[in-house]
Amino acid sequence: MLHCDRRRHHRQDSRHTGIQAVVADAEAARRQLLDAGVDASEVEVRPWGNFVYFGDPDGNRWPLQAIESRPNG
């Protein structure tokens, strides 16, 4: 599932794409990124889900979100 956020994200250190992908398991996604040679953040645990971030060659920051359950299935 992809989520598109139309708000502008302004950060000094990176650009946020405004798009995030939902994954089943943030830790597993992080391991897969690291195994592929991609620099990935530690998993951030938040009340609304667990997040891992990685960057692309253009300097965009991509979030992956794992959520325990969704209210609509």
PDB file of N, CA and C in Angstrom:
ATOM      1  N   MET A   1       0.847  -1.159   0.000  1.00  0.00           N
ATOM      2  CA  MET A   1       0.000   0.000   0.000  1.00  0.00           C
ATOM      3  C   MET A   1       0.894   1.224   0.000  1.00  0.00           C
ATOM      4  N   LEU A   2       0.580   2.199  -0.818  1.00  0.00           N
ATOM      5  CA  LEU A   2       1.313   3.457  -0.845  1.00  0.00           C
ATOM      6  C   LEU A   2       0.439   4.560  -0.291  1.00  0.00           C
ATOM      7  N   HIS A   3       1.062   5.461   0.407  1.00  0.00           N
ATOM      8  CA  HIS A   3       0.364   6.624   0.953  1.00  0.00           C
ATOM      9  C   HIS A   3       1.051   7.854   0.398  1.00  0.00           C
ATOM     10  N   CYS A   4       0.314   8.767  -0.165  1.00  0.00           N
ATOM     11  CA  CYS A   4       0.869  10.006  -0.700  1.00  0.00           C
ATOM     12  C   CYS A   4       0.459  11.153   0.203  1.00  0.00           C
ATOM     13  N   ASP A   5       1.440  11.844   0.731  1.00  0.00           N
ATOM     14  CA  ASP A   5       1.213  12.982   1.616  1.00  0.00           C
ATOM     15  C   ASP A   5       1.457  14.253   0.820  1.00  0.00           C
ATOM     16  N   ARG A   6       0.454  15.069   0.652  1.00  0.00           N
ATOM     17  CA  ARG A   6       0.580  16.273  -0.165  1.00  0.00           C
ATOM     18  C   ARG A   6       1.233  17.440   0.586  1.00  0.00           C
ATOM     19  N   ARG A   7       1.432  17.283   1.884  1.00  0.00           N
ATOM     20  CA  ARG A   7       2.094  18.348   2.637  1.00  0.00           C
ATOM     21  C   ARG A   7       3.564  18.401   2.241  1.00  0.00           C
ATOM     22  N   ARG A   8       4.138  19.585   2.318  1.00  0.00           N
ATOM     23  CA  ARG A   8       5.551  19.755   2.030  1.00  0.00           C
ATOM     24  C   ARG A   8       6.349  19.428   3.282  1.00  0.00           C
ATOM     25  N   HIS A   9       7.398  18.689   3.121  1.00  0.00           N
ATOM     26  CA  HIS A   9       8.270  18.344   4.239  1.00  0.00           C
ATOM     27  C   HIS A   9       9.587  19.090   4.049  1.00  0.00           C
ATOM     28  N   HIS A  10       9.952  19.884   5.019  1.00  0.00           N
ATOM     29  CA  HIS A  10      11.177  20.658   4.925  1.00  0.00           C
ATOM     30  C   HIS A  10      12.134  20.189   6.014  1.00  0.00           C
ATOM     31  N   ARG A  11      13.228  19.622   5.577  1.00  0.00           N
ATOM     32  CA  ARG A  11      14.270  19.195   6.501  1.00  0.00           C
ATOM     33  C   ARG A  11      15.596  19.652   5.932  1.00  0.00           C
ATOM     34  N   GLN A  12      16.484  20.009   6.781  1.00  0.00           N
ATOM     35  CA  GLN A  12      17.804  20.439   6.344  1.00  0.00           C
ATOM     36  C   GLN A  12      18.612  19.269   5.796  1.00  0.00           C
ATOM     37  N   ASP A  13      18.474  18.091   6.405  1.00  0.00           N
ATOM     38  CA  ASP A  13      19.357  16.978   6.091  1.00  0.00           C
ATOM     39  C   ASP A  13      18.909  16.115   4.924  1.00  0.00           C
ATOM     40  N   SER A  14      17.655  16.167   4.513  1.00  0.00           N
ATOM     41  CA  SER A  14      17.210  15.324   3.410  1.00  0.00           C
ATOM     42  C   SER A  14      15.867  15.781   2.888  1.00  0.00           C
ATOM     43  N   ARG A  15      15.510  15.243   1.721  1.00  0.00           N
ATOM     44  CA  ARG A  15      14.205  15.533   1.132  1.00  0.00           C
ATOM     45  C   ARG A  15      13.310  14.330   1.346  1.00  0.00           C
ATOM     46  N   HIS A  16      12.086  14.586   1.773  1.00  0.00           N
ATOM     47  CA  HIS A  16      11.093  13.529   1.973  1.00  0.00           C
ATOM     48  C   HIS A  16      10.260  13.448   0.712  1.00  0.00           C
ATOM     49  N   THR A  17      10.004  12.251   0.233  1.00  0.00           N
ATOM     50  CA  THR A  17       9.266  12.072  -1.011  1.00  0.00           C
ATOM     51  C   THR A  17       7.794  12.414  -0.884  1.00  0.00           C
ATOM     52  N   GLY A  18       7.236  12.359   0.329  1.00  0.00           N
ATOM     53  CA  GLY A  18       5.800  12.543   0.503  1.00  0.00           C
ATOM     54  C   GLY A  18       5.036  11.265   0.234  1.00  0.00           C
ATOM     55  N   ILE A  19       5.747  10.194  -0.054  1.00  0.00           N
ATOM     56  CA  ILE A  19       5.143   8.886  -0.311  1.00  0.00           C
ATOM     57  C   ILE A  19       5.746   7.909   0.684  1.00  0.00           C
ATOM     58  N   GLN A  20       4.918   7.045   1.235  1.00  0.00           N
ATOM     59  CA  GLN A  20       5.455   5.990   2.093  1.00  0.00           C
ATOM     60  C   GLN A  20       4.823   4.670   1.701  1.00  0.00           C
ATOM     61  N   ALA A  21       5.576   3.613   1.894  1.00  0.00           N
ATOM     62  CA  ALA A  21       5.082   2.270   1.610  1.00  0.00           C
ATOM     63  C   ALA A  21       4.817   1.571   2.929  1.00  0.00           C
ATOM     64  N   VAL A  22       3.750   0.811   2.983  1.00  0.00           N
ATOM     65  CA  VAL A  22       3.417   0.033   4.168  1.00  0.00           C
ATOM     66  C   VAL A  22       3.962  -1.380   3.966  1.00  0.00           C
ATOM     67  N   VAL A  23       4.705  -1.861   4.955  1.00  0.00           N
ATOM     68  CA  VAL A  23       5.304  -3.196   4.925  1.00  0.00           C
ATOM     69  C   VAL A  23       4.779  -3.999   6.104  1.00  0.00           C
ATOM     70  N   ALA A  24       4.909  -5.303   6.023  1.00  0.00           N
ATOM     71  CA  ALA A  24       4.419  -6.167   7.101  1.00  0.00           C
ATOM     72  C   ALA A  24       5.281  -6.073   8.355  1.00  0.00           C
ATOM     73  N   ASP A  25       6.589  -5.896   8.188  1.00  0.00           N
ATOM     74  CA  ASP A  25       7.520  -5.962   9.310  1.00  0.00           C
ATOM     75  C   ASP A  25       8.667  -4.984   9.057  1.00  0.00           C
ATOM     76  N   ALA A  26       8.778  -3.941   9.869  1.00  0.00           N
ATOM     77  CA  ALA A  26       9.813  -2.924   9.679  1.00  0.00           C
ATOM     78  C   ALA A  26      11.211  -3.492   9.893  1.00  0.00           C
ATOM     79  N   GLU A  27      11.389  -4.356  10.890  1.00  0.00           N
ATOM     80  CA  GLU A  27      12.707  -4.963  11.141  1.00  0.00           C
ATOM     81  C   GLU A  27      13.147  -5.815   9.953  1.00  0.00           C
ATOM     82  N   ALA A  28      12.225  -6.607   9.404  1.00  0.00           N
ATOM     83  CA  ALA A  28      12.547  -7.449   8.244  1.00  0.00           C
ATOM     84  C   ALA A  28      12.866  -6.583   7.029  1.00  0.00           C
ATOM     85  N   ALA A  29      12.119  -5.513   6.837  1.00  0.00           N
ATOM     86  CA  ALA A  29      12.384  -4.609   5.715  1.00  0.00           C
ATOM     87  C   ALA A  29      13.760  -3.972   5.864  1.00  0.00           C
ATOM     88  N   ARG A  30      14.115  -3.581   7.084  1.00  0.00           N
ATOM     89  CA  ARG A  30      15.436  -2.998   7.340  1.00  0.00           C
ATOM     90  C   ARG A  30      16.540  -3.996   7.035  1.00  0.00           C
ATOM     91  N   ARG A  31      16.376  -5.231   7.494  1.00  0.00           N
ATOM     92  CA  ARG A  31      17.382  -6.267   7.216  1.00  0.00           C
ATOM     93  C   ARG A  31      17.545  -6.480   5.712  1.00  0.00           C
ATOM     94  N   GLN A  32      16.426  -6.504   4.993  1.00  0.00           N
ATOM     95  CA  GLN A  32      16.479  -6.699   3.551  1.00  0.00           C
ATOM     96  C   GLN A  32      17.217  -5.535   2.870  1.00  0.00           C
ATOM     97  N   LEU A  33      16.946  -4.317   3.305  1.00  0.00           N
ATOM     98  CA  LEU A  33      17.659  -3.165   2.753  1.00  0.00           C
ATOM     99  C   LEU A  33      19.153  -3.257   3.040  1.00  0.00           C
ATOM    100  N   LEU A  34      19.509  -3.558   4.277  1.00  0.00           N
ATOM    101  CA  LEU A  34      20.925  -3.662   4.639  1.00  0.00           C
ATOM    102  C   LEU A  34      21.610  -4.785   3.872  1.00  0.00           C
ATOM    103  N   ASP A  35      20.948  -5.926   3.723  1.00  0.00           N
ATOM    104  CA  ASP A  35      21.517  -7.051   2.971  1.00  0.00           C
ATOM    105  C   ASP A  35      21.758  -6.693   1.511  1.00  0.00           C
ATOM    106  N   ALA A  36      20.948  -5.754   0.988  1.00  0.00           N
ATOM    107  CA  ALA A  36      21.097  -5.317  -0.408  1.00  0.00           C
ATOM    108  C   ALA A  36      22.116  -4.174  -0.535  1.00  0.00           C
ATOM    109  N   GLY A  37      22.736  -3.789   0.586  1.00  0.00           N
ATOM    110  CA  GLY A  37      23.734  -2.731   0.552  1.00  0.00           C
ATOM    111  C   GLY A  37      23.168  -1.330   0.640  1.00  0.00           C
ATOM    112  N   VAL A  38      21.917  -1.209   1.046  1.00  0.00           N
ATOM    113  CA  VAL A  38      21.267   0.098   1.177  1.00  0.00           C
ATOM    114  C   VAL A  38      21.403   0.577   2.622  1.00  0.00           C
ATOM    115  N   ASP A  39      21.812   1.812   2.799  1.00  0.00           N
ATOM    116  CA  ASP A  39      21.905   2.394   4.134  1.00  0.00           C
ATOM    117  C   ASP A  39      20.492   2.670   4.642  1.00  0.00           C
ATOM    118  N   ALA A  40      20.136   2.064   5.765  1.00  0.00           N
ATOM    119  CA  ALA A  40      18.786   2.197   6.327  1.00  0.00           C
ATOM    120  C   ALA A  40      18.885   2.637   7.783  1.00  0.00           C
ATOM    121  N   SER A  41      17.905   3.401   8.209  1.00  0.00           N
ATOM    122  CA  SER A  41      17.869   3.874   9.591  1.00  0.00           C
ATOM    123  C   SER A  41      17.543   2.719  10.540  1.00  0.00           C
ATOM    124  N   GLU A  42      17.719   2.995  11.814  1.00  0.00           N
ATOM    125  CA  GLU A  42      17.189   2.100  12.829  1.00  0.00           C
ATOM    126  C   GLU A  42      15.664   2.188  12.755  1.00  0.00           C
ATOM    127  N   VAL A  43      14.983   1.197  13.272  1.00  0.00           N
ATOM    128  CA  VAL A  43      13.522   1.230  13.290  1.00  0.00           C
ATOM    129  C   VAL A  43      13.069   2.214  14.361  1.00  0.00           C
ATOM    130  N   GLU A  44      12.201   3.130  13.977  1.00  0.00           N
ATOM    131  CA  GLU A  44      11.601   4.088  14.907  1.00  0.00           C
ATOM    132  C   GLU A  44      10.222   3.565  15.304  1.00  0.00           C
ATOM    133  N   VAL A  45      10.026   3.363  16.594  1.00  0.00           N
ATOM    134  CA  VAL A  45       8.745   2.868  17.105  1.00  0.00           C
ATOM    135  C   VAL A  45       7.889   4.053  17.511  1.00  0.00           C
ATOM    136  N   ARG A  46       6.730   4.154  16.898  1.00  0.00           N
ATOM    137  CA  ARG A  46       5.785   5.227  17.172  1.00  0.00           C
ATOM    138  C   ARG A  46       4.426   4.610  17.494  1.00  0.00           C
ATOM    139  N   PRO A  47       3.546   5.322  18.168  1.00  0.00           N
ATOM    140  CA  PRO A  47       2.212   4.775  18.466  1.00  0.00           C
ATOM    141  C   PRO A  47       1.419   4.426  17.207  1.00  0.00           C
ATOM    142  N   TRP A  48       1.701   5.074  16.096  1.00  0.00           N
ATOM    143  CA  TRP A  48       0.948   4.867  14.856  1.00  0.00           C
ATOM    144  C   TRP A  48       1.677   3.945  13.882  1.00  0.00           C
ATOM    145  N   GLY A  49       2.755   3.301  14.340  1.00  0.00           N
ATOM    146  CA  GLY A  49       3.459   2.330  13.504  1.00  0.00           C
ATOM    147  C   GLY A  49       4.958   2.397  13.698  1.00  0.00           C
ATOM    148  N   ASN A  50       5.636   1.411  13.160  1.00  0.00           N
ATOM    149  CA  ASN A  50       7.089   1.361  13.190  1.00  0.00           C
ATOM    150  C   ASN A  50       7.609   1.790  11.824  1.00  0.00           C
ATOM    151  N   PHE A  51       8.661   2.610  11.822  1.00  0.00           N
ATOM    152  CA  PHE A  51       9.170   3.187  10.589  1.00  0.00           C
ATOM    153  C   PHE A  51      10.648   2.876  10.410  1.00  0.00           C
ATOM    154  N   VAL A  52      11.032   2.657   9.159  1.00  0.00           N
ATOM    155  CA  VAL A  52      12.435   2.584   8.776  1.00  0.00           C
ATOM    156  C   VAL A  52      12.575   3.471   7.543  1.00  0.00           C
ATOM    157  N   TYR A  53      13.693   4.187   7.448  1.00  0.00           N
ATOM    158  CA  TYR A  53      13.913   5.141   6.369  1.00  0.00           C
ATOM    159  C   TYR A  53      15.166   4.764   5.593  1.00  0.00           C
ATOM    160  N   PHE A  54      15.131   5.038   4.302  1.00  0.00           N
ATOM    161  CA  PHE A  54      16.320   4.854   3.477  1.00  0.00           C
ATOM    162  C   PHE A  54      16.335   5.949   2.419  1.00  0.00           C
ATOM    163  N   GLY A  55      17.493   6.175   1.834  1.00  0.00           N
ATOM    164  CA  GLY A  55      17.621   7.211   0.820  1.00  0.00           C
ATOM    165  C   GLY A  55      17.888   6.629  -0.551  1.00  0.00           C
ATOM    166  N   ASP A  56      17.488   7.372  -1.564  1.00  0.00           N
ATOM    167  CA  ASP A  56      17.785   6.965  -2.933  1.00  0.00           C
ATOM    168  C   ASP A  56      18.963   7.795  -3.456  1.00  0.00           C
ATOM    169  N   PRO A  57      19.484   7.456  -4.632  1.00  0.00           N
ATOM    170  CA  PRO A  57      20.653   8.183  -5.156  1.00  0.00           C
ATOM    171  C   PRO A  57      20.414   9.672  -5.411  1.00  0.00           C
ATOM    172  N   ASP A  58      19.162  10.099  -5.530  1.00  0.00           N
ATOM    173  CA  ASP A  58      18.858  11.515  -5.742  1.00  0.00           C
ATOM    174  C   ASP A  58      18.735  12.296  -4.442  1.00  0.00           C
ATOM    175  N   GLY A  59      18.921  11.633  -3.315  1.00  0.00           N
ATOM    176  CA  GLY A  59      18.856  12.313  -2.027  1.00  0.00           C
ATOM    177  C   GLY A  59      17.478  12.360  -1.400  1.00  0.00           C
ATOM    178  N   ASN A  60      16.526  11.624  -1.966  1.00  0.00           N
ATOM    179  CA  ASN A  60      15.183  11.562  -1.385  1.00  0.00           C
ATOM    180  C   ASN A  60      15.165  10.554  -0.244  1.00  0.00           C
ATOM    181  N   ARG A  61      14.375  10.843   0.769  1.00  0.00           N
ATOM    182  CA  ARG A  61      14.239   9.954   1.924  1.00  0.00           C
ATOM    183  C   ARG A  61      12.905   9.226   1.812  1.00  0.00           C
ATOM    184  N   TRP A  62      12.936   7.904   1.889  1.00  0.00           N
ATOM    185  CA  TRP A  62      11.745   7.064   1.726  1.00  0.00           C
ATOM    186  C   TRP A  62      11.408   6.378   3.047  1.00  0.00           C
ATOM    187  N   PRO A  63      10.188   6.564   3.548  1.00  0.00           N
ATOM    188  CA  PRO A  63       9.771   5.857   4.763  1.00  0.00           C
ATOM    189  C   PRO A  63       9.015   4.568   4.432  1.00  0.00           C
ATOM    190  N   LEU A  64       9.282   3.552   5.217  1.00  0.00           N
ATOM    191  CA  LEU A  64       8.505   2.314   5.190  1.00  0.00           C
ATOM    192  C   LEU A  64       7.821   2.218   6.548  1.00  0.00           C
ATOM    193  N   GLN A  65       6.520   1.952   6.549  1.00  0.00           N
ATOM    194  CA  GLN A  65       5.738   1.886   7.787  1.00  0.00           C
ATOM    195  C   GLN A  65       5.159   0.496   7.972  1.00  0.00           C
ATOM    196  N   ALA A  66       5.330  -0.038   9.150  1.00  0.00           N
ATOM    197  CA  ALA A  66       4.676  -1.302   9.543  1.00  0.00           C
ATOM    198  C   ALA A  66       3.671  -0.962  10.630  1.00  0.00           C
ATOM    199  N   ILE A  67       2.439  -1.400  10.426  1.00  0.00           N
ATOM    200  CA  ILE A  67       1.394  -1.141  11.419  1.00  0.00           C
ATOM    201  C   ILE A  67       0.803  -2.461  11.874  1.00  0.00           C
ATOM    202  N   GLU A  68       0.495  -2.523  13.161  1.00  0.00           N
ATOM    203  CA  GLU A  68      -0.044  -3.765  13.759  1.00  0.00           C
ATOM    204  C   GLU A  68      -1.371  -4.159  13.131  1.00  0.00           C
ATOM    205  N   SER A  69      -2.276  -3.187  13.032  1.00  0.00           N
ATOM    206  CA  SER A  69      -3.567  -3.468  12.425  1.00  0.00           C
ATOM    207  C   SER A  69      -4.121  -2.176  11.844  1.00  0.00           C
ATOM    208  N   ARG A  70      -4.953  -2.347  10.851  1.00  0.00           N
ATOM    209  CA  ARG A  70      -5.583  -1.192  10.221  1.00  0.00           C
ATOM    210  C   ARG A  70      -7.053  -1.191  10.605  1.00  0.00           C
ATOM    211  N   PRO A  71      -7.623  -0.022  10.899  1.00  0.00           N
ATOM    212  CA  PRO A  71      -9.006   0.031  11.342  1.00  0.00           C
ATOM    213  C   PRO A  71      -9.995  -0.496  10.297  1.00  0.00           C
ATOM    214  N   ASN A  72      -9.643  -0.434   9.028  1.00  0.00           N
ATOM    215  CA  ASN A  72     -10.556  -0.886   7.974  1.00  0.00           C
ATOM    216  C   ASN A  72     -10.106  -2.201   7.340  1.00  0.00           C
ATOM    217  N   GLY A  73      -9.302  -2.961   8.055  1.00  0.00           N
ATOM    218  CA  GLY A  73      -8.887  -4.267   7.552  1.00  0.00           C
ATOM    219  C   GLY A  73      -7.610  -4.242   6.938  1.00  0.00           C
TER     220      GLY A  73
END
